[in-house]
PDB file of N, CA and C in Angstrom:
ATOM      1  N   MET A   1     173.124-130.997-164.969  1.00  0.00           N
ATOM      2  CA  MET A   1     174.149-130.720-164.593  1.00  0.00           C
ATOM      3  C   MET A   1     174.885-132.029-165.019  1.00  0.00           C
ATOM      4  N   ASP A   2     176.131-131.824-165.701  1.00  0.00           N
ATOM      5  CA  ASP A   2     176.690-133.190-165.866  1.00  0.00           C
ATOM      6  C   ASP A   2     177.988-133.447-164.630  1.00  0.00           C
ATOM      7  N   ILE A   3     178.065-134.430-164.689  1.00  0.00           N
ATOM      8  CA  ILE A   3     179.409-135.071-163.482  1.00  0.00           C
ATOM      9  C   ILE A   3     180.712-134.910-163.854  1.00  0.00           C
ATOM     10  N   LYS A   4     180.744-134.888-165.162  1.00  0.00           N
ATOM     11  CA  LYS A   4     182.133-134.484-165.826  1.00  0.00           C
ATOM     12  C   LYS A   4     182.321-133.215-166.262  1.00  0.00           C
ATOM     13  N   MET A   5     182.961-132.418-165.250  1.00  0.00           N
ATOM     14  CA  MET A   5     183.188-130.984-165.751  1.00  0.00           C
ATOM     15  C   MET A   5     184.378-130.457-165.317  1.00  0.00           C
ATOM     16  N   PRO A   6     185.085-129.464-165.864  1.00  0.00           N
ATOM     17  CA  PRO A   6     186.320-128.999-165.571  1.00  0.00           C
ATOM     18  C   PRO A   6     186.300-128.326-164.322  1.00  0.00           C
ATOM     19  N   ARG A   7     187.506-128.427-163.667  1.00  0.00           N
ATOM     20  CA  ARG A   7     187.672-127.549-162.426  1.00  0.00           C
ATOM     21  C   ARG A   7     186.964-128.104-161.094  1.00  0.00           C
ATOM     22  N   MET A   8     185.699-128.453-161.028  1.00  0.00           N
ATOM     23  CA  MET A   8     184.907-128.840-159.996  1.00  0.00           C
ATOM     24  C   MET A   8     183.951-129.998-160.844  1.00  0.00           C
ATOM     25  N   THR A   9     184.008-131.079-160.189  1.00  0.00           N
ATOM     26  CA  THR A   9     183.081-132.126-160.808  1.00  0.00           C
ATOM     27  C   THR A   9     181.392-131.648-160.356  1.00  0.00           C
ATOM     28  N   GLY A  10     180.544-132.493-160.782  1.00  0.00           N
ATOM     29  CA  GLY A  10     179.357-132.388-160.824  1.00  0.00           C
ATOM     30  C   GLY A  10     178.914-132.517-159.527  1.00  0.00           C
ATOM     31  N   PHE A  11     179.636-133.603-159.042  1.00  0.00           N
ATOM     32  CA  PHE A  11     179.384-134.044-157.713  1.00  0.00           C
ATOM     33  C   PHE A  11     179.691-133.007-156.508  1.00  0.00           C
ATOM     34  N   ASP A  12     180.769-132.170-156.531  1.00  0.00           N
ATOM     35  CA  ASP A  12     181.238-131.202-155.868  1.00  0.00           C
ATOM     36  C   ASP A  12     180.265-130.115-156.026  1.00  0.00           C
ATOM     37  N   VAL A  13     179.552-129.688-156.912  1.00  0.00           N
ATOM     38  CA  VAL A  13     178.874-128.703-157.316  1.00  0.00           C
ATOM     39  C   VAL A  13     177.576-129.034-156.657  1.00  0.00           C
ATOM     40  N   LEU A  14     177.179-130.456-156.693  1.00  0.00           N
ATOM     41  CA  LEU A  14     176.079-130.837-156.189  1.00  0.00           C
ATOM     42  C   LEU A  14     175.872-130.702-154.519  1.00  0.00           C
ATOM     43  N   GLU A  15     177.091-131.089-154.269  1.00  0.00           N
ATOM     44  CA  GLU A  15     177.422-131.345-152.611  1.00  0.00           C
ATOM     45  C   GLU A  15     177.505-129.867-152.269  1.00  0.00           C
ATOM     46  N   TRP A  16     177.750-128.892-152.823  1.00  0.00           N
ATOM     47  CA  TRP A  16     178.080-127.455-152.471  1.00  0.00           C
ATOM     48  C   TRP A  16     176.619-126.704-152.196  1.00  0.00           C
ATOM     49  N   ILE A  17     175.702-126.954-153.693  1.00  0.00           N
ATOM     50  CA  ILE A  17     174.473-126.660-153.544  1.00  0.00           C
ATOM     51  C   ILE A  17     173.313-127.212-152.362  1.00  0.00           C
ATOM     52  N   LYS A  18     173.298-128.333-152.243  1.00  0.00           N
ATOM     53  CA  LYS A  18     172.577-128.905-151.350  1.00  0.00           C
ATOM     54  C   LYS A  18     173.284-128.811-149.832  1.00  0.00           C
ATOM     55  N   ASN A  19     174.265-128.428-149.611  1.00  0.00           N
ATOM     56  CA  ASN A  19     174.662-127.829-148.247  1.00  0.00           C
ATOM     57  C   ASN A  19     174.675-126.455-147.979  1.00  0.00           C
ATOM     58  N   ASP A  20     174.345-125.574-148.910  1.00  0.00           N
ATOM     59  CA  ASP A  20     174.199-124.388-148.609  1.00  0.00           C
ATOM     60  C   ASP A  20     172.450-123.954-148.247  1.00  0.00           C
ATOM     61  N   GLY A  21     172.295-123.326-147.264  1.00  0.00           N
ATOM     62  CA  GLY A  21     170.960-123.329-146.910  1.00  0.00           C
ATOM     63  C   GLY A  21     170.048-122.284-148.302  1.00  0.00           C
ATOM     64  N   ALA A  22     170.915-121.218-148.539  1.00  0.00           N
ATOM     65  CA  ALA A  22     170.084-120.462-149.593  1.00  0.00           C
ATOM     66  C   ALA A  22     169.675-121.279-150.899  1.00  0.00           C
ATOM     67  N   LEU A  23     170.359-122.261-151.284  1.00  0.00           N
ATOM     68  CA  LEU A  23     170.446-122.731-152.441  1.00  0.00           C
ATOM     69  C   LEU A  23     169.621-124.040-152.359  1.00  0.00           C
ATOM     70  N   ARG A  24     169.849-125.273-151.075  1.00  0.00           N
ATOM     71  CA  ARG A  24     169.472-126.365-151.224  1.00  0.00           C
ATOM     72  C   ARG A  24     168.325-126.877-151.947  1.00  0.00           C
ATOM     73  N   ARG A  25     167.277-126.133-151.520  1.00  0.00           N
ATOM     74  CA  ARG A  25     165.843-126.245-152.636  1.00  0.00           C
ATOM     75  C   ARG A  25     165.836-126.155-153.914  1.00  0.00           C
ATOM     76  N   ILE A  26     166.944-125.790-154.423  1.00  0.00           N
ATOM     77  CA  ILE A  26     166.944-125.474-155.870  1.00  0.00           C
ATOM     78  C   ILE A  26     167.050-127.135-156.472  1.00  0.00           C
ATOM     79  N   PRO A  27     166.122-127.697-157.377  1.00  0.00           N
ATOM     80  CA  PRO A  27     166.025-128.960-158.005  1.00  0.00           C
ATOM     81  C   PRO A  27     167.690-128.939-158.819  1.00  0.00           C
ATOM     82  N   VAL A  28     168.304-129.916-158.510  1.00  0.00           N
ATOM     83  CA  VAL A  28     169.255-130.380-159.408  1.00  0.00           C
ATOM     84  C   VAL A  28     169.187-131.756-160.123  1.00  0.00           C
ATOM     85  N   VAL A  29     169.242-131.642-161.613  1.00  0.00           N
ATOM     86  CA  VAL A  29     169.098-132.514-162.493  1.00  0.00           C
ATOM     87  C   VAL A  29     170.298-133.142-162.865  1.00  0.00           C
ATOM     88  N   ILE A  30     170.832-134.410-162.897  1.00  0.00           N
ATOM     89  CA  ILE A  30     172.076-134.573-163.407  1.00  0.00           C
ATOM     90  C   ILE A  30     171.860-135.361-164.596  1.00  0.00           C
ATOM     91  N   VAL A  31     172.326-134.948-165.778  1.00  0.00           N
ATOM     92  CA  VAL A  31     172.409-135.637-167.105  1.00  0.00           C
ATOM     93  C   VAL A  31     174.028-135.832-167.530  1.00  0.00           C
ATOM     94  N   SER A  32     173.965-137.268-167.504  1.00  0.00           N
ATOM     95  CA  SER A  32     175.568-137.317-167.434  1.00  0.00           C
ATOM     96  C   SER A  32     175.628-138.739-168.681  1.00  0.00           C
ATOM     97  N   SER A  33     176.602-139.057-169.360  1.00  0.00           N
ATOM     98  CA  SER A  33     176.837-140.242-169.999  1.00  0.00           C
ATOM     99  C   SER A  33     177.368-141.439-169.237  1.00  0.00           C
ATOM    100  N   SER A  34     177.387-141.251-168.063  1.00  0.00           N
ATOM    101  CA  SER A  34     177.733-142.514-166.917  1.00  0.00           C
ATOM    102  C   SER A  34     176.460-143.089-166.666  1.00  0.00           C
ATOM    103  N   ASN A  35     176.473-144.077-166.865  1.00  0.00           N
ATOM    104  CA  ASN A  35     175.546-145.266-166.171  1.00  0.00           C
ATOM    105  C   ASN A  35     175.739-146.137-165.146  1.00  0.00           C
ATOM    106  N   ARG A  36     176.982-145.673-164.569  1.00  0.00           N
ATOM    107  CA  ARG A  36     177.687-146.638-163.484  1.00  0.00           C
ATOM    108  C   ARG A  36     176.542-146.403-162.344  1.00  0.00           C
ATOM    109  N   PRO A  37     176.328-147.583-161.471  1.00  0.00           N
ATOM    110  CA  PRO A  37     175.549-147.757-160.562  1.00  0.00           C
ATOM    111  C   PRO A  37     176.072-146.753-159.418  1.00  0.00           C
ATOM    112  N   GLU A  38     177.449-146.701-159.138  1.00  0.00           N
ATOM    113  CA  GLU A  38     177.981-146.101-158.148  1.00  0.00           C
ATOM    114  C   GLU A  38     177.921-144.396-158.176  1.00  0.00           C
ATOM    115  N   ASP A  39     177.813-144.077-159.513  1.00  0.00           N
ATOM    116  CA  ASP A  39     177.908-142.579-159.969  1.00  0.00           C
ATOM    117  C   ASP A  39     176.378-142.101-159.708  1.00  0.00           C
ATOM    118  N   ILE A  40     175.262-143.195-160.148  1.00  0.00           N
ATOM    119  CA  ILE A  40     173.903-142.555-159.992  1.00  0.00           C
ATOM    120  C   ILE A  40     173.576-142.907-158.051  1.00  0.00           C
ATOM    121  N   ASP A  41     174.130-143.767-157.556  1.00  0.00           N
ATOM    122  CA  ASP A  41     174.079-143.705-156.241  1.00  0.00           C
ATOM    123  C   ASP A  41     174.563-142.629-155.646  1.00  0.00           C
ATOM    124  N   ARG A  42     175.721-141.968-156.102  1.00  0.00           N
ATOM    125  CA  ARG A  42     176.395-140.897-155.332  1.00  0.00           C
ATOM    126  C   ARG A  42     175.643-139.852-155.661  1.00  0.00           C
ATOM    127  N   ALA A  43     175.175-139.593-156.690  1.00  0.00           N
ATOM    128  CA  ALA A  43     174.242-138.482-156.997  1.00  0.00           C
ATOM    129  C   ALA A  43     173.160-138.234-156.179  1.00  0.00           C
ATOM    130  N   TYR A  44     172.465-139.164-156.025  1.00  0.00           N
ATOM    131  CA  TYR A  44     171.021-139.318-155.058  1.00  0.00           C
ATOM    132  C   TYR A  44     171.668-139.358-153.610  1.00  0.00           C
ATOM    133  N   GLU A  45     172.564-139.650-153.277  1.00  0.00           N
ATOM    134  CA  GLU A  45     173.223-139.426-151.959  1.00  0.00           C
ATOM    135  C   GLU A  45     173.349-138.220-151.612  1.00  0.00           C
ATOM    136  N   LEU A  46     174.008-137.519-152.559  1.00  0.00           N
ATOM    137  CA  LEU A  46     174.357-136.191-152.364  1.00  0.00           C
ATOM    138  C   LEU A  46     172.985-135.191-152.534  1.00  0.00           C
ATOM    139  N   GLY A  47     172.037-135.492-153.084  1.00  0.00           N
ATOM    140  CA  GLY A  47     170.907-134.668-152.710  1.00  0.00           C
ATOM    141  C   GLY A  47     170.244-134.428-154.304  1.00  0.00           C
ATOM    142  N   ALA A  48     170.655-135.351-155.429  1.00  0.00           N
ATOM    143  CA  ALA A  48     170.204-134.820-156.589  1.00  0.00           C
ATOM    144  C   ALA A  48     168.860-135.157-156.742  1.00  0.00           C
ATOM    145  N   ASN A  49     167.873-134.441-157.270  1.00  0.00           N
ATOM    146  CA  ASN A  49     166.490-134.621-157.406  1.00  0.00           C
ATOM    147  C   ASN A  49     166.023-135.877-158.658  1.00  0.00           C
ATOM    148  N   ALA A  50     167.206-135.655-159.683  1.00  0.00           N
ATOM    149  CA  ALA A  50     166.843-136.655-160.640  1.00  0.00           C
ATOM    150  C   ALA A  50     168.376-137.071-161.546  1.00  0.00           C
ATOM    151  N   TYR A  51     168.157-138.220-161.775  1.00  0.00           N
ATOM    152  CA  TYR A  51     169.530-138.742-162.422  1.00  0.00           C
ATOM    153  C   TYR A  51     168.841-139.117-163.926  1.00  0.00           C
ATOM    154  N   MET A  52     169.583-138.679-165.237  1.00  0.00           N
ATOM    155  CA  MET A  52     169.244-139.123-166.183  1.00  0.00           C
ATOM    156  C   MET A  52     170.651-139.450-167.158  1.00  0.00           C
ATOM    157  N   VAL A  53     170.554-140.489-168.096  1.00  0.00           N
ATOM    158  CA  VAL A  53     171.747-141.035-168.569  1.00  0.00           C
ATOM    159  C   VAL A  53     171.610-140.282-170.148  1.00  0.00           C
ATOM    160  N   LYS A  54     172.473-139.635-170.500  1.00  0.00           N
ATOM    161  CA  LYS A  54     172.718-138.786-171.489  1.00  0.00           C
ATOM    162  C   LYS A  54     172.667-139.766-172.839  1.00  0.00           C
ATOM    163  N   PRO A  55     171.661-139.541-173.730  1.00  0.00           N
ATOM    164  CA  PRO A  55     171.731-140.489-174.793  1.00  0.00           C
ATOM    165  C   PRO A  55     172.888-140.230-175.818  1.00  0.00           C
ATOM    166  N   MET A  56     173.185-140.943-176.633  1.00  0.00           N
ATOM    167  CA  MET A  56     174.334-140.476-177.735  1.00  0.00           C
ATOM    168  C   MET A  56     173.759-139.992-178.799  1.00  0.00           C
ATOM    169  N   ASP A  57     172.661-140.152-179.437  1.00  0.00           N
ATOM    170  CA  ASP A  57     172.197-139.483-180.535  1.00  0.00           C
ATOM    171  C   ASP A  57     171.523-137.870-179.865  1.00  0.00           C
ATOM    172  N   TYR A  58     171.975-136.992-180.782  1.00  0.00           N
ATOM    173  CA  TYR A  58     171.504-135.453-180.730  1.00  0.00           C
ATOM    174  C   TYR A  58     170.148-135.312-180.923  1.00  0.00           C
ATOM    175  N   HIS A  59     169.256-135.753-181.407  1.00  0.00           N
ATOM    176  CA  HIS A  59     167.828-135.769-181.248  1.00  0.00           C
ATOM    177  C   HIS A  59     167.181-136.358-179.978  1.00  0.00           C
ATOM    178  N   ALA A  60     167.599-137.383-179.671  1.00  0.00           N
ATOM    179  CA  ALA A  60     167.479-137.941-178.348  1.00  0.00           C
ATOM    180  C   ALA A  60     167.775-137.079-177.184  1.00  0.00           C
ATOM    181  N   VAL A  61     168.931-136.607-177.318  1.00  0.00           N
ATOM    182  CA  VAL A  61     169.452-135.487-176.422  1.00  0.00           C
ATOM    183  C   VAL A  61     168.211-134.213-176.353  1.00  0.00           C
ATOM    184  N   GLU A  62     168.044-133.770-177.518  1.00  0.00           N
ATOM    185  CA  GLU A  62     166.797-132.603-177.480  1.00  0.00           C
ATOM    186  C   GLU A  62     165.680-132.885-176.815  1.00  0.00           C
ATOM    187  N   ARG A  63     165.358-134.438-177.349  1.00  0.00           N
ATOM    188  CA  ARG A  63     163.836-134.708-176.259  1.00  0.00           C
ATOM    189  C   ARG A  63     164.442-135.068-174.964  1.00  0.00           C
ATOM    190  N   LEU A  64     165.338-135.426-174.751  1.00  0.00           N
ATOM    191  CA  LEU A  64     165.396-135.696-173.037  1.00  0.00           C
ATOM    192  C   LEU A  64     165.320-133.963-172.287  1.00  0.00           C
ATOM    193  N   PHE A  65     166.108-133.132-172.880  1.00  0.00           N
ATOM    194  CA  PHE A  65     166.317-131.739-172.212  1.00  0.00           C
ATOM    195  C   PHE A  65     164.555-131.199-172.623  1.00  0.00           C
ATOM    196  N   GLY A  66     163.980-131.463-173.567  1.00  0.00           N
ATOM    197  CA  GLY A  66     162.607-130.904-173.544  1.00  0.00           C
ATOM    198  C   GLY A  66     161.788-131.664-172.649  1.00  0.00           C
ATOM    199  N   SER A  67     162.022-132.807-172.431  1.00  0.00           N
ATOM    200  CA  SER A  67     161.458-133.383-171.302  1.00  0.00           C
ATOM    201  C   SER A  67     161.448-132.982-169.892  1.00  0.00           C
ATOM    202  N   ILE A  68     162.924-132.823-169.641  1.00  0.00           N
ATOM    203  CA  ILE A  68     163.373-132.130-168.253  1.00  0.00           C
ATOM    204  C   ILE A  68     162.727-130.758-168.136  1.00  0.00           C
ATOM    205  N   THR A  69     162.928-129.861-169.056  1.00  0.00           N
ATOM    206  CA  THR A  69     162.442-128.635-169.008  1.00  0.00           C
ATOM    207  C   THR A  69     160.603-128.569-168.940  1.00  0.00           C
ATOM    208  N   HIS A  70     159.996-129.385-169.797  1.00  0.00           N
ATOM    209  CA  HIS A  70     158.687-129.478-169.276  1.00  0.00           C
ATOM    210  C   HIS A  70     158.521-129.801-168.104  1.00  0.00           C
ATOM    211  N   TYR A  71     159.042-130.863-167.432  1.00  0.00           N
ATOM    212  CA  TYR A  71     158.915-131.394-165.742  1.00  0.00           C
ATOM    213  C   TYR A  71     159.143-130.552-164.848  1.00  0.00           C
ATOM    214  N   TRP A  72     160.197-130.151-164.733  1.00  0.00           N
ATOM    215  CA  TRP A  72     160.817-129.106-164.007  1.00  0.00           C
ATOM    216  C   TRP A  72     160.508-127.867-163.957  1.00  0.00           C
ATOM    217  N   GLY A  73     160.152-127.286-165.283  1.00  0.00           N
ATOM    218  CA  GLY A  73     159.867-125.892-165.544  1.00  0.00           C
ATOM    219  C   GLY A  73     158.644-125.796-165.388  1.00  0.00           C
ATOM    220  N   LEU A  74     157.551-126.579-165.837  1.00  0.00           N
ATOM    221  CA  LEU A  74     156.126-126.444-166.072  1.00  0.00           C
ATOM    222  C   LEU A  74     155.372-127.255-165.175  1.00  0.00           C
ATOM    223  N   GLU A  75     155.704-128.610-165.132  1.00  0.00           N
ATOM    224  CA  GLU A  75     154.709-129.547-164.575  1.00  0.00           C
ATOM    225  C   GLU A  75     154.774-129.116-162.758  1.00  0.00           C
ATOM    226  N   CYS A  76     156.184-129.412-162.176  1.00  0.00           N
ATOM    227  CA  CYS A  76     156.221-129.354-161.005  1.00  0.00           C
ATOM    228  C   CYS A  76     155.873-127.832-160.222  1.00  0.00           C
ATOM    229  N   ALA A  77     155.326-127.847-159.028  1.00  0.00           N
ATOM    230  CA  ALA A  77     155.027-126.815-158.115  1.00  0.00           C
ATOM    231  C   ALA A  77     156.327-126.142-157.529  1.00  0.00           C
ATOM    232  N   LYS A  78     156.169-124.958-157.509  1.00  0.00           N
ATOM    233  CA  LYS A  78     157.728-124.479-157.112  1.00  0.00           C
ATOM    234  C   LYS A  78     157.429-123.499-155.718  1.00  0.00           C
ATOM    235  N   PRO A  79     158.733-123.585-154.755  1.00  0.00           N
ATOM    236  CA  PRO A  79     158.299-122.682-153.548  1.00  0.00           C
ATOM    237  C   PRO A  79     158.264-121.289-154.039  1.00  0.00           C
ATOM    238  N   GLY A  80     157.718-120.553-153.240  1.00  0.00           N
ATOM    239  CA  GLY A  80     157.674-118.967-153.236  1.00  0.00           C
ATOM    240  C   GLY A  80     159.193-118.368-153.075  1.00  0.00           C
ATOM    241  N   LEU A  81     159.608-117.345-154.035  1.00  0.00           N
ATOM    242  CA  LEU A  81     160.946-117.133-153.776  1.00  0.00           C
ATOM    243  C   LEU A  81     161.208-116.622-152.438  1.00  0.00           C
ATOM    244  N   GLU A  82     160.298-115.816-151.600  1.00  0.00           N
ATOM    245  CA  GLU A  82     160.468-115.604-150.164  1.00  0.00           C
ATOM    246  C   GLU A  82     160.736-116.267-149.079  1.00  0.00           C
ATOM    247  N   THR A  83     160.445-117.900-149.454  1.00  0.00           N
ATOM    248  CA  THR A  83     160.853-118.914-148.729  1.00  0.00           C
ATOM    249  C   THR A  83     162.129-119.651-149.022  1.00  0.00           C
ATOM    250  N   ILE A  84     162.766-119.340-150.191  1.00  0.00           N
ATOM    251  CA  ILE A  84     164.258-119.656-150.001  1.00  0.00           C
ATOM    252  C   ILE A  84     165.255-119.304-149.208  1.00  0.00           C
ATOM    253  N   GLY A  85     165.909-119.849-148.885  1.00  0.00           N
ATOM    254  CA  GLY A  85     166.917-119.693-147.863  1.00  0.00           C
ATOM    255  C   GLY A  85     166.342-118.965-146.756  1.00  0.00           C
ATOM    256  N   GLN A  86     165.196-119.278-146.047  1.00  0.00           N
ATOM    257  CA  GLN A  86     164.893-118.884-144.690  1.00  0.00           C
ATOM    258  C   GLN A  86     164.922-119.809-143.755  1.00  0.00           C
ATOM    259  N   ARG A  87     165.271-121.237-144.178  1.00  0.00           N
ATOM    260  CA  ARG A  87     165.173-122.462-143.289  1.00  0.00           C
ATOM    261  C   ARG A  87     166.701-122.821-142.758  1.00  0.00           C
TER     262      ARG A  87
END
């Protein structure tokens, strides 16, 4: 998710996800063009699981999203669906 989105910022969406009992365990990776320390700190304070600065080169963006997909989609252990939202 990017922090610069129309209607709601990524920070707003992140805060909503992490404050919702049924959704808060969903991993959220921020991918933003902002490398401002205050944006990075705020994302982690709101519960982001990772913050990645989006590269300007298209192929580098492809590699970044490939690594995110590999790590979060294939490498990480995931909670059972039956346990999501029960806490």
